[in-house]
PDB file of N, CA and C in Angstrom:
ATOM      1  N   UNK A   1     -17.499 -38.743 119.176  1.00  0.00           N
ATOM      2  CA  UNK A   1     -17.792 -39.320 120.392  1.00  0.00           C
ATOM      3  C   UNK A   1     -17.688 -40.989 119.558  1.00  0.00           C
ATOM      4  N   UNK A   2     -17.608 -41.718 120.335  1.00  0.00           N
ATOM      5  CA  UNK A   2     -17.381 -43.240 120.167  1.00  0.00           C
ATOM      6  C   UNK A   2     -18.687 -43.564 120.067  1.00  0.00           C
ATOM      7  N   UNK A   3     -18.550 -44.506 118.250  1.00  0.00           N
ATOM      8  CA  UNK A   3     -20.250 -44.833 117.905  1.00  0.00           C
ATOM      9  C   UNK A   3     -20.818 -45.894 118.999  1.00  0.00           C
ATOM     10  N   UNK A   4     -20.080 -46.599 119.607  1.00  0.00           N
ATOM     11  CA  UNK A   4     -20.832 -47.642 120.335  1.00  0.00           C
ATOM     12  C   UNK A   4     -21.685 -46.976 121.335  1.00  0.00           C
ATOM     13  N   UNK A   5     -20.847 -46.088 122.158  1.00  0.00           N
ATOM     14  CA  UNK A   5     -21.299 -45.031 123.052  1.00  0.00           C
ATOM     15  C   UNK A   5     -22.796 -44.299 122.804  1.00  0.00           C
ATOM     16  N   UNK A   6     -22.452 -43.506 121.225  1.00  0.00           N
ATOM     17  CA  UNK A   6     -23.819 -42.381 120.319  1.00  0.00           C
ATOM     18  C   UNK A   6     -24.914 -44.048 120.377  1.00  0.00           C
ATOM     19  N   UNK A   7     -24.099 -44.835 119.725  1.00  0.00           N
ATOM     20  CA  UNK A   7     -25.569 -45.745 119.277  1.00  0.00           C
ATOM     21  C   UNK A   7     -26.184 -46.376 120.713  1.00  0.00           C
ATOM     22  N   UNK A   8     -25.506 -47.299 121.505  1.00  0.00           N
ATOM     23  CA  UNK A   8     -25.957 -47.348 122.874  1.00  0.00           C
ATOM     24  C   UNK A   8     -26.980 -46.625 123.624  1.00  0.00           C
ATOM     25  N   UNK A   9     -26.265 -45.296 123.534  1.00  0.00           N
ATOM     26  CA  UNK A   9     -26.891 -44.587 124.932  1.00  0.00           C
ATOM     27  C   UNK A   9     -27.262 -43.025 123.872  1.00  0.00           C
ATOM     28  N   UNK A  10     -27.688 -42.709 122.929  1.00  0.00           N
ATOM     29  CA  UNK A  10     -27.667 -41.658 122.362  1.00  0.00           C
ATOM     30  C   UNK A  10     -28.276 -40.181 123.176  1.00  0.00           C
ATOM     31  N   UNK A  11     -28.664 -40.255 124.231  1.00  0.00           N
ATOM     32  CA  UNK A  11     -29.146 -39.268 124.788  1.00  0.00           C
ATOM     33  C   UNK A  11     -28.290 -39.445 126.583  1.00  0.00           C
ATOM     34  N   UNK A  12     -26.955 -39.997 126.439  1.00  0.00           N
ATOM     35  CA  UNK A  12     -26.347 -39.666 127.539  1.00  0.00           C
ATOM     36  C   UNK A  12     -25.320 -38.676 127.357  1.00  0.00           C
ATOM     37  N   UNK A  13     -25.077 -38.366 126.234  1.00  0.00           N
ATOM     38  CA  UNK A  13     -24.382 -37.450 126.001  1.00  0.00           C
ATOM     39  C   UNK A  13     -25.266 -35.780 126.047  1.00  0.00           C
ATOM     40  N   UNK A  14     -26.347 -35.908 125.483  1.00  0.00           N
ATOM     41  CA  UNK A  14     -27.191 -35.307 126.143  1.00  0.00           C
ATOM     42  C   UNK A  14     -27.834 -34.628 127.001  1.00  0.00           C
ATOM     43  N   UNK A  15     -27.874 -36.009 128.125  1.00  0.00           N
ATOM     44  CA  UNK A  15     -27.961 -35.468 129.567  1.00  0.00           C
ATOM     45  C   UNK A  15     -27.351 -34.570 130.352  1.00  0.00           C
ATOM     46  N   UNK A  16     -25.588 -35.333 129.892  1.00  0.00           N
ATOM     47  CA  UNK A  16     -24.270 -34.901 130.151  1.00  0.00           C
ATOM     48  C   UNK A  16     -24.187 -33.565 130.401  1.00  0.00           C
ATOM     49  N   UNK A  17     -24.691 -33.025 128.951  1.00  0.00           N
ATOM     50  CA  UNK A  17     -24.098 -31.407 128.666  1.00  0.00           C
ATOM     51  C   UNK A  17     -25.358 -31.034 129.391  1.00  0.00           C
ATOM     52  N   UNK A  18     -26.637 -31.019 129.410  1.00  0.00           N
ATOM     53  CA  UNK A  18     -27.542 -30.069 130.189  1.00  0.00           C
ATOM     54  C   UNK A  18     -27.119 -30.203 131.548  1.00  0.00           C
ATOM     55  N   UNK A  19     -27.054 -31.343 132.185  1.00  0.00           N
ATOM     56  CA  UNK A  19     -26.440 -31.021 133.049  1.00  0.00           C
ATOM     57  C   UNK A  19     -25.494 -30.617 133.849  1.00  0.00           C
ATOM     58  N   UNK A  20     -24.245 -30.309 133.299  1.00  0.00           N
ATOM     59  CA  UNK A  20     -23.283 -29.974 133.185  1.00  0.00           C
ATOM     60  C   UNK A  20     -24.002 -28.040 133.052  1.00  0.00           C
ATOM     61  N   UNK A  21     -24.641 -27.925 131.926  1.00  0.00           N
ATOM     62  CA  UNK A  21     -25.203 -26.278 131.773  1.00  0.00           C
ATOM     63  C   UNK A  21     -26.214 -26.102 132.477  1.00  0.00           C
ATOM     64  N   UNK A  22     -26.724 -26.648 133.124  1.00  0.00           N
ATOM     65  CA  UNK A  22     -27.925 -26.318 134.493  1.00  0.00           C
ATOM     66  C   UNK A  22     -27.320 -26.144 136.006  1.00  0.00           C
ATOM     67  N   UNK A  23     -26.034 -26.635 135.879  1.00  0.00           N
ATOM     68  CA  UNK A  23     -25.155 -26.408 136.786  1.00  0.00           C
ATOM     69  C   UNK A  23     -24.567 -25.028 136.911  1.00  0.00           C
ATOM     70  N   UNK A  24     -24.140 -25.054 135.538  1.00  0.00           N
ATOM     71  CA  UNK A  24     -23.145 -23.698 135.187  1.00  0.00           C
ATOM     72  C   UNK A  24     -24.677 -22.583 135.917  1.00  0.00           C
ATOM     73  N   UNK A  25     -25.632 -22.825 134.871  1.00  0.00           N
ATOM     74  CA  UNK A  25     -26.252 -21.435 135.446  1.00  0.00           C
ATOM     75  C   UNK A  25     -26.926 -21.215 136.627  1.00  0.00           C
ATOM     76  N   UNK A  26     -27.016 -22.196 137.292  1.00  0.00           N
ATOM     77  CA  UNK A  26     -27.301 -22.307 138.911  1.00  0.00           C
ATOM     78  C   UNK A  26     -26.469 -21.367 139.364  1.00  0.00           C
ATOM     79  N   UNK A  27     -24.825 -21.904 139.115  1.00  0.00           N
ATOM     80  CA  UNK A  27     -24.135 -21.113 139.766  1.00  0.00           C
ATOM     81  C   UNK A  27     -23.549 -19.957 139.668  1.00  0.00           C
ATOM     82  N   UNK A  28     -23.741 -19.737 137.948  1.00  0.00           N
ATOM     83  CA  UNK A  28     -23.812 -18.262 137.861  1.00  0.00           C
ATOM     84  C   UNK A  28     -25.163 -17.325 138.450  1.00  0.00           C
ATOM     85  N   UNK A  29     -26.574 -17.996 138.237  1.00  0.00           N
ATOM     86  CA  UNK A  29     -27.408 -17.062 139.162  1.00  0.00           C
ATOM     87  C   UNK A  29     -27.219 -16.921 140.188  1.00  0.00           C
ATOM     88  N   UNK A  30     -26.671 -17.665 141.128  1.00  0.00           N
ATOM     89  CA  UNK A  30     -26.444 -17.662 142.231  1.00  0.00           C
ATOM     90  C   UNK A  30     -25.532 -16.636 142.540  1.00  0.00           C
ATOM     91  N   UNK A  31     -24.498 -16.560 142.247  1.00  0.00           N
ATOM     92  CA  UNK A  31     -23.182 -15.949 142.253  1.00  0.00           C
ATOM     93  C   UNK A  31     -24.217 -14.022 141.465  1.00  0.00           C
ATOM     94  N   UNK A  32     -24.566 -13.874 140.725  1.00  0.00           N
ATOM     95  CA  UNK A  32     -25.239 -13.068 140.279  1.00  0.00           C
ATOM     96  C   UNK A  32     -26.499 -12.394 141.441  1.00  0.00           C
ATOM     97  N   UNK A  33     -26.831 -13.202 141.884  1.00  0.00           N
ATOM     98  CA  UNK A  33     -28.251 -12.631 143.028  1.00  0.00           C
ATOM     99  C   UNK A  33     -27.423 -12.429 144.124  1.00  0.00           C
ATOM    100  N   UNK A  34     -26.696 -13.327 144.738  1.00  0.00           N
ATOM    101  CA  UNK A  34     -25.651 -12.936 145.827  1.00  0.00           C
ATOM    102  C   UNK A  34     -24.734 -11.864 145.488  1.00  0.00           C
ATOM    103  N   UNK A  35     -23.948 -11.321 144.572  1.00  0.00           N
ATOM    104  CA  UNK A  35     -23.440 -10.155 144.290  1.00  0.00           C
ATOM    105  C   UNK A  35     -24.571  -9.042 144.085  1.00  0.00           C
ATOM    106  N   UNK A  36     -25.691  -8.711 143.659  1.00  0.00           N
ATOM    107  CA  UNK A  36     -26.768  -8.242 143.457  1.00  0.00           C
ATOM    108  C   UNK A  36     -26.860  -7.624 144.660  1.00  0.00           C
ATOM    109  N   UNK A  37     -27.541  -8.669 145.654  1.00  0.00           N
ATOM    110  CA  UNK A  37     -27.897  -8.426 146.811  1.00  0.00           C
ATOM    111  C   UNK A  37     -26.801  -7.923 147.858  1.00  0.00           C
ATOM    112  N   UNK A  38     -25.819  -8.285 147.493  1.00  0.00           N
ATOM    113  CA  UNK A  38     -24.702  -7.318 148.327  1.00  0.00           C
ATOM    114  C   UNK A  38     -24.377  -6.206 147.471  1.00  0.00           C
ATOM    115  N   UNK A  39     -24.487  -5.787 146.696  1.00  0.00           N
ATOM    116  CA  UNK A  39     -24.427  -4.466 146.111  1.00  0.00           C
ATOM    117  C   UNK A  39     -25.477  -3.355 146.046  1.00  0.00           C
ATOM    118  N   UNK A  40     -26.432  -4.288 146.189  1.00  0.00           N
ATOM    119  CA  UNK A  40     -27.595  -3.318 146.412  1.00  0.00           C
ATOM    120  C   UNK A  40     -27.585  -2.758 148.166  1.00  0.00           C
ATOM    121  N   UNK A  41     -27.015  -3.408 148.651  1.00  0.00           N
ATOM    122  CA  UNK A  41     -26.769  -2.918 150.013  1.00  0.00           C
ATOM    123  C   UNK A  41     -26.180  -1.698 150.264  1.00  0.00           C
TER     124      UNK A  41
END
């Protein structure tokens, strides 16, 4: 990581990582729920 970025915005990378993980989690949960619903039918 860049020193100026980490020193000026220490939470920017954390928020970015959390947002990506959240999107991935929501996507996997949505696909899993849709697949489970279709599979249970």
